[in-house]
């Protein structure tokens, strides 16, 4: 993405990243693209996560959790609770989910002060 940032307008790069999130199956591509969109346009990233929630399994949950943790809206608390109650996370995904939930809760606490 760093090389693309040198030659593309930010809106073009966001469009490219949105396309990659919608069409790519590679976790590293999805991660980089969604992280970029989240940094530049959180609303659009939140829209993208809705489609990712329909994917089977839990491999995309940490990516979704990262967006929700950044936005920290109270409405995403249910996502985290349901994820931990109903889903099984293996290995590093467990750590990632706990990390993003901690970030989310910390932001919730900060906004209520």
N, C-alpha and C. Protein backbone atom coordinates (compact mmCIF):
# COMPACT_ATOMS: atom_id res chain seq x y z
N UNK A 1 0.81 -1.20 0.00
CA UNK A 1 0.00 0.00 0.00
C UNK A 1 0.85 1.26 0.00
N UNK A 2 2.03 1.18 0.60
CA UNK A 2 2.89 2.37 0.64
C UNK A 2 3.26 2.84 -0.76
N UNK A 3 3.57 1.92 -1.64
CA UNK A 3 3.91 2.29 -3.02
C UNK A 3 2.69 2.85 -3.75
N UNK A 4 1.53 2.26 -3.51
CA UNK A 4 0.32 2.75 -4.15
C UNK A 4 -0.06 4.15 -3.65
N UNK A 5 0.25 4.44 -2.38
CA UNK A 5 -0.04 5.77 -1.84
C UNK A 5 0.77 6.84 -2.56
N UNK A 6 1.92 6.45 -3.10
CA UNK A 6 2.77 7.41 -3.81
C UNK A 6 2.21 7.78 -5.18
N UNK A 7 1.42 6.88 -5.77
CA UNK A 7 0.96 7.13 -7.14
C UNK A 7 -0.55 7.31 -7.29
N UNK A 8 -1.31 6.93 -6.27
CA UNK A 8 -2.77 7.05 -6.37
C UNK A 8 -3.30 8.13 -5.44
N UNK A 9 -4.35 8.75 -5.88
CA UNK A 9 -5.10 9.69 -5.05
C UNK A 9 -5.73 8.89 -3.89
N UNK A 10 -5.85 9.47 -2.69
CA UNK A 10 -6.43 8.72 -1.57
C UNK A 10 -7.80 8.11 -1.87
N UNK A 11 -8.64 8.82 -2.59
CA UNK A 11 -9.97 8.26 -2.90
C UNK A 11 -9.86 7.06 -3.84
N UNK A 12 -8.90 7.09 -4.76
CA UNK A 12 -8.68 5.96 -5.65
C UNK A 12 -8.18 4.74 -4.86
N UNK A 13 -7.29 5.01 -3.92
CA UNK A 13 -6.75 3.92 -3.11
C UNK A 13 -7.82 3.32 -2.20
N UNK A 14 -8.69 4.17 -1.67
CA UNK A 14 -9.80 3.65 -0.87
C UNK A 14 -10.68 2.76 -1.74
N UNK A 15 -10.99 3.21 -2.95
CA UNK A 15 -11.80 2.41 -3.87
C UNK A 15 -11.15 1.07 -4.18
N UNK A 16 -9.85 1.07 -4.39
CA UNK A 16 -9.13 -0.17 -4.66
C UNK A 16 -9.19 -1.10 -3.45
N UNK A 17 -9.01 -0.53 -2.27
CA UNK A 17 -9.06 -1.33 -1.04
C UNK A 17 -10.46 -1.89 -0.80
N UNK A 18 -11.48 -1.10 -1.05
CA UNK A 18 -12.86 -1.58 -0.91
C UNK A 18 -13.09 -2.76 -1.84
N UNK A 19 -12.62 -2.63 -3.07
CA UNK A 19 -12.76 -3.71 -4.04
C UNK A 19 -12.06 -4.98 -3.56
N UNK A 20 -10.87 -4.83 -3.00
CA UNK A 20 -10.11 -5.99 -2.50
C UNK A 20 -10.83 -6.64 -1.32
N UNK A 21 -11.40 -5.85 -0.44
CA UNK A 21 -12.14 -6.41 0.70
C UNK A 21 -13.34 -7.20 0.19
N UNK A 22 -13.98 -6.71 -0.84
CA UNK A 22 -15.18 -7.36 -1.36
C UNK A 22 -14.87 -8.62 -2.18
N UNK A 23 -13.69 -8.66 -2.81
CA UNK A 23 -13.43 -9.74 -3.76
C UNK A 23 -12.29 -10.68 -3.38
N UNK A 24 -11.38 -10.26 -2.54
CA UNK A 24 -10.20 -11.07 -2.24
C UNK A 24 -10.47 -12.03 -1.11
N UNK A 25 -9.81 -13.17 -1.13
CA UNK A 25 -9.96 -14.17 -0.07
C UNK A 25 -8.69 -14.30 0.79
N UNK A 26 -7.64 -13.63 0.39
CA UNK A 26 -6.39 -13.69 1.14
C UNK A 26 -6.51 -12.87 2.42
N UNK A 27 -6.21 -13.49 3.55
CA UNK A 27 -6.32 -12.78 4.83
C UNK A 27 -5.37 -11.58 4.90
N UNK A 28 -4.18 -11.72 4.36
CA UNK A 28 -3.24 -10.59 4.43
C UNK A 28 -3.73 -9.42 3.59
N UNK A 29 -4.31 -9.70 2.42
CA UNK A 29 -4.86 -8.64 1.58
C UNK A 29 -6.07 -8.00 2.26
N UNK A 30 -6.96 -8.83 2.77
CA UNK A 30 -8.14 -8.31 3.47
C UNK A 30 -7.73 -7.44 4.66
N UNK A 31 -6.77 -7.90 5.41
CA UNK A 31 -6.31 -7.17 6.59
C UNK A 31 -5.75 -5.80 6.21
N UNK A 32 -4.85 -5.78 5.25
CA UNK A 32 -4.24 -4.50 4.83
C UNK A 32 -5.28 -3.56 4.25
N UNK A 33 -6.13 -4.09 3.39
CA UNK A 33 -7.14 -3.25 2.74
C UNK A 33 -8.15 -2.70 3.74
N UNK A 34 -8.64 -3.56 4.63
CA UNK A 34 -9.64 -3.10 5.60
C UNK A 34 -9.02 -2.12 6.60
N UNK A 35 -7.78 -2.37 6.99
CA UNK A 35 -7.10 -1.43 7.90
C UNK A 35 -6.96 -0.06 7.26
N UNK A 36 -6.61 -0.03 5.98
CA UNK A 36 -6.46 1.25 5.28
C UNK A 36 -7.81 1.98 5.21
N UNK A 37 -8.84 1.26 4.82
CA UNK A 37 -10.17 1.89 4.72
C UNK A 37 -10.61 2.39 6.10
N UNK A 38 -10.35 1.61 7.14
CA UNK A 38 -10.73 2.01 8.49
C UNK A 38 -10.03 3.30 8.90
N UNK A 39 -8.77 3.43 8.57
CA UNK A 39 -8.02 4.64 8.92
C UNK A 39 -8.54 5.86 8.15
N UNK A 40 -8.93 5.65 6.91
CA UNK A 40 -9.33 6.77 6.05
C UNK A 40 -10.82 7.09 6.11
N UNK A 41 -11.66 6.06 6.29
CA UNK A 41 -13.10 6.26 6.24
C UNK A 41 -13.79 5.17 7.07
N UNK A 42 -13.90 5.40 8.36
CA UNK A 42 -14.45 4.40 9.27
C UNK A 42 -15.87 4.00 8.89
N UNK A 43 -16.67 4.95 8.45
CA UNK A 43 -18.05 4.63 8.05
C UNK A 43 -18.08 3.58 6.94
N UNK A 44 -17.22 3.77 5.95
CA UNK A 44 -17.17 2.82 4.85
C UNK A 44 -16.67 1.46 5.33
N UNK A 45 -15.71 1.46 6.23
CA UNK A 45 -15.21 0.21 6.79
C UNK A 45 -16.31 -0.53 7.54
N UNK A 46 -17.12 0.21 8.28
CA UNK A 46 -18.23 -0.40 9.01
C UNK A 46 -19.23 -1.03 8.05
N UNK A 47 -19.47 -0.38 6.92
CA UNK A 47 -20.35 -0.94 5.90
C UNK A 47 -19.77 -2.25 5.35
N UNK A 48 -18.47 -2.26 5.11
CA UNK A 48 -17.82 -3.46 4.59
C UNK A 48 -17.91 -4.63 5.56
N UNK A 49 -17.86 -4.33 6.86
CA UNK A 49 -17.90 -5.42 7.84
C UNK A 49 -19.23 -6.16 7.82
N UNK A 50 -20.30 -5.49 7.43
CA UNK A 50 -21.60 -6.16 7.38
C UNK A 50 -21.58 -7.33 6.41
N UNK A 51 -20.93 -7.15 5.28
CA UNK A 51 -20.83 -8.24 4.32
C UNK A 51 -19.89 -9.33 4.83
N UNK A 52 -18.85 -8.95 5.55
CA UNK A 52 -17.91 -9.94 6.08
C UNK A 52 -18.56 -10.82 7.14
N UNK A 53 -19.54 -10.29 7.86
CA UNK A 53 -20.22 -11.07 8.88
C UNK A 53 -20.98 -12.26 8.31
N UNK A 54 -21.31 -12.20 7.04
CA UNK A 54 -22.07 -13.30 6.42
C UNK A 54 -21.17 -14.45 5.98
N UNK A 55 -19.86 -14.25 6.02
CA UNK A 55 -18.93 -15.32 5.64
C UNK A 55 -18.99 -16.44 6.67
N UNK A 56 -18.94 -17.68 6.22
CA UNK A 56 -18.98 -18.79 7.18
C UNK A 56 -17.69 -18.86 8.01
N UNK A 57 -17.81 -19.40 9.20
CA UNK A 57 -16.65 -19.56 10.07
C UNK A 57 -16.30 -18.29 10.81
N UNK A 58 -15.17 -18.32 11.48
CA UNK A 58 -14.76 -17.19 12.33
C UNK A 58 -13.47 -16.53 11.88
N UNK A 59 -12.91 -16.92 10.75
CA UNK A 59 -11.60 -16.39 10.36
C UNK A 59 -11.61 -14.88 10.17
N UNK A 60 -12.75 -14.29 9.82
CA UNK A 60 -12.82 -12.85 9.58
C UNK A 60 -13.22 -12.06 10.83
N UNK A 61 -13.61 -12.75 11.88
CA UNK A 61 -14.06 -12.05 13.09
C UNK A 61 -13.01 -11.10 13.67
N UNK A 62 -11.74 -11.49 13.74
CA UNK A 62 -10.75 -10.53 14.26
C UNK A 62 -10.65 -9.26 13.40
N UNK A 63 -10.81 -9.38 12.10
CA UNK A 63 -10.79 -8.20 11.23
C UNK A 63 -11.98 -7.29 11.55
N UNK A 64 -13.14 -7.90 11.69
CA UNK A 64 -14.35 -7.14 12.01
C UNK A 64 -14.19 -6.49 13.39
N UNK A 65 -13.67 -7.27 14.34
CA UNK A 65 -13.48 -6.75 15.70
C UNK A 65 -12.53 -5.56 15.71
N UNK A 66 -11.53 -5.56 14.83
CA UNK A 66 -10.60 -4.43 14.79
C UNK A 66 -11.30 -3.14 14.37
N UNK A 67 -12.23 -3.25 13.43
CA UNK A 67 -13.00 -2.08 12.99
C UNK A 67 -13.94 -1.62 14.10
N UNK A 68 -14.62 -2.57 14.72
CA UNK A 68 -15.55 -2.23 15.80
C UNK A 68 -14.81 -1.62 17.00
N UNK A 69 -13.63 -2.11 17.29
CA UNK A 69 -12.84 -1.56 18.39
C UNK A 69 -12.43 -0.13 18.11
N UNK A 70 -12.10 0.16 16.87
CA UNK A 70 -11.71 1.53 16.51
C UNK A 70 -12.90 2.47 16.60
N UNK A 71 -14.06 2.03 16.13
CA UNK A 71 -15.26 2.88 16.17
C UNK A 71 -15.81 2.99 17.59
N UNK A 72 -15.80 1.88 18.32
CA UNK A 72 -16.20 1.81 19.74
C UNK A 72 -17.64 2.25 20.02
N UNK A 73 -18.52 2.09 19.06
CA UNK A 73 -19.93 2.38 19.30
C UNK A 73 -20.50 1.35 20.27
N UNK A 74 -21.37 1.80 21.16
CA UNK A 74 -21.99 0.89 22.13
C UNK A 74 -22.72 -0.25 21.45
N UNK A 75 -23.20 -0.03 20.25
CA UNK A 75 -23.97 -1.06 19.55
C UNK A 75 -23.14 -2.30 19.20
N UNK A 76 -21.83 -2.22 19.25
CA UNK A 76 -20.98 -3.37 18.89
C UNK A 76 -20.66 -4.26 20.08
N UNK A 77 -21.09 -3.88 21.27
CA UNK A 77 -20.86 -4.71 22.44
C UNK A 77 -21.45 -6.11 22.24
N UNK A 78 -22.65 -6.16 21.68
CA UNK A 78 -23.33 -7.44 21.44
C UNK A 78 -22.51 -8.33 20.51
N UNK A 79 -21.86 -7.75 19.51
CA UNK A 79 -21.01 -8.53 18.61
C UNK A 79 -19.94 -9.27 19.41
N UNK A 80 -19.25 -8.56 20.30
CA UNK A 80 -18.18 -9.18 21.07
C UNK A 80 -18.73 -10.25 22.02
N UNK A 81 -19.79 -9.94 22.72
CA UNK A 81 -20.37 -10.90 23.67
C UNK A 81 -20.83 -12.16 22.93
N UNK A 82 -21.57 -11.97 21.85
CA UNK A 82 -22.05 -13.12 21.08
C UNK A 82 -20.90 -13.92 20.49
N UNK A 83 -19.88 -13.23 20.04
CA UNK A 83 -18.72 -13.93 19.46
C UNK A 83 -18.07 -14.84 20.49
N UNK A 84 -17.90 -14.34 21.70
CA UNK A 84 -17.26 -15.16 22.73
C UNK A 84 -18.17 -16.26 23.25
N UNK A 85 -19.48 -16.04 23.23
CA UNK A 85 -20.41 -17.06 23.72
C UNK A 85 -20.67 -18.15 22.68
N UNK A 86 -20.73 -17.77 21.41
CA UNK A 86 -21.22 -18.69 20.40
C UNK A 86 -20.15 -19.22 19.44
N UNK A 87 -19.01 -18.60 19.40
CA UNK A 87 -17.99 -18.99 18.42
C UNK A 87 -16.79 -19.61 19.11
N UNK A 88 -16.05 -20.39 18.36
CA UNK A 88 -14.83 -21.00 18.86
C UNK A 88 -13.66 -20.38 18.09
N UNK A 89 -12.76 -19.75 18.83
CA UNK A 89 -11.59 -19.15 18.23
C UNK A 89 -10.37 -19.99 18.60
N UNK A 90 -9.53 -20.21 17.63
CA UNK A 90 -8.37 -21.07 17.83
C UNK A 90 -7.09 -20.25 17.68
N UNK A 91 -6.14 -20.55 18.55
CA UNK A 91 -4.81 -19.97 18.44
C UNK A 91 -4.79 -18.47 18.58
N UNK A 92 -4.09 -17.84 17.63
CA UNK A 92 -3.87 -16.40 17.69
C UNK A 92 -5.17 -15.60 17.55
N UNK A 93 -6.17 -16.19 16.93
CA UNK A 93 -7.46 -15.50 16.82
C UNK A 93 -8.06 -15.22 18.20
N UNK A 94 -7.85 -16.13 19.16
CA UNK A 94 -8.31 -15.90 20.52
C UNK A 94 -7.66 -14.64 21.10
N UNK A 95 -6.36 -14.54 20.92
CA UNK A 95 -5.61 -13.39 21.44
C UNK A 95 -6.07 -12.11 20.76
N UNK A 96 -6.23 -12.16 19.45
CA UNK A 96 -6.68 -10.98 18.71
C UNK A 96 -8.05 -10.52 19.17
N UNK A 97 -8.97 -11.46 19.31
CA UNK A 97 -10.32 -11.09 19.74
C UNK A 97 -10.31 -10.46 21.13
N UNK A 98 -9.55 -11.04 22.04
CA UNK A 98 -9.44 -10.46 23.39
C UNK A 98 -8.79 -9.08 23.35
N UNK A 99 -7.79 -8.93 22.52
CA UNK A 99 -7.12 -7.63 22.37
C UNK A 99 -8.09 -6.57 21.86
N UNK A 100 -8.84 -6.88 20.81
CA UNK A 100 -9.77 -5.90 20.25
C UNK A 100 -10.92 -5.61 21.22
N UNK A 101 -11.34 -6.60 21.97
CA UNK A 101 -12.39 -6.38 22.96
C UNK A 101 -11.87 -5.45 24.07
N UNK A 102 -10.62 -5.64 24.45
CA UNK A 102 -10.01 -4.76 25.45
C UNK A 102 -9.92 -3.33 24.94
N UNK A 103 -9.51 -3.16 23.70
CA UNK A 103 -9.44 -1.82 23.10
C UNK A 103 -10.83 -1.20 23.07
N UNK A 104 -11.81 -1.98 22.65
CA UNK A 104 -13.20 -1.52 22.60
C UNK A 104 -13.67 -1.05 23.98
N UNK A 105 -13.46 -1.89 24.99
CA UNK A 105 -13.90 -1.55 26.35
C UNK A 105 -13.17 -0.32 26.89
N UNK A 106 -11.90 -0.21 26.59
CA UNK A 106 -11.13 0.96 27.03
C UNK A 106 -11.68 2.23 26.42
N UNK A 107 -12.00 2.19 25.14
CA UNK A 107 -12.58 3.37 24.49
C UNK A 107 -13.96 3.68 25.04
N UNK A 108 -14.73 2.64 25.36
CA UNK A 108 -16.04 2.86 25.97
C UNK A 108 -15.89 3.59 27.31
N UNK A 109 -14.94 3.14 28.08
CA UNK A 109 -14.70 3.75 29.39
C UNK A 109 -14.26 5.22 29.25
N UNK A 110 -13.40 5.47 28.27
CA UNK A 110 -12.91 6.82 28.05
C UNK A 110 -14.01 7.77 27.60
N UNK A 111 -14.93 7.28 26.81
CA UNK A 111 -16.00 8.15 26.29
C UNK A 111 -17.06 8.44 27.35
N UNK A 112 -17.12 7.61 28.39
CA UNK A 112 -18.13 7.83 29.43
C UNK A 112 -17.64 8.72 30.55
N UNK A 113 -16.41 9.13 30.50
CA UNK A 113 -15.87 10.02 31.55
C UNK A 113 -16.26 11.43 31.30
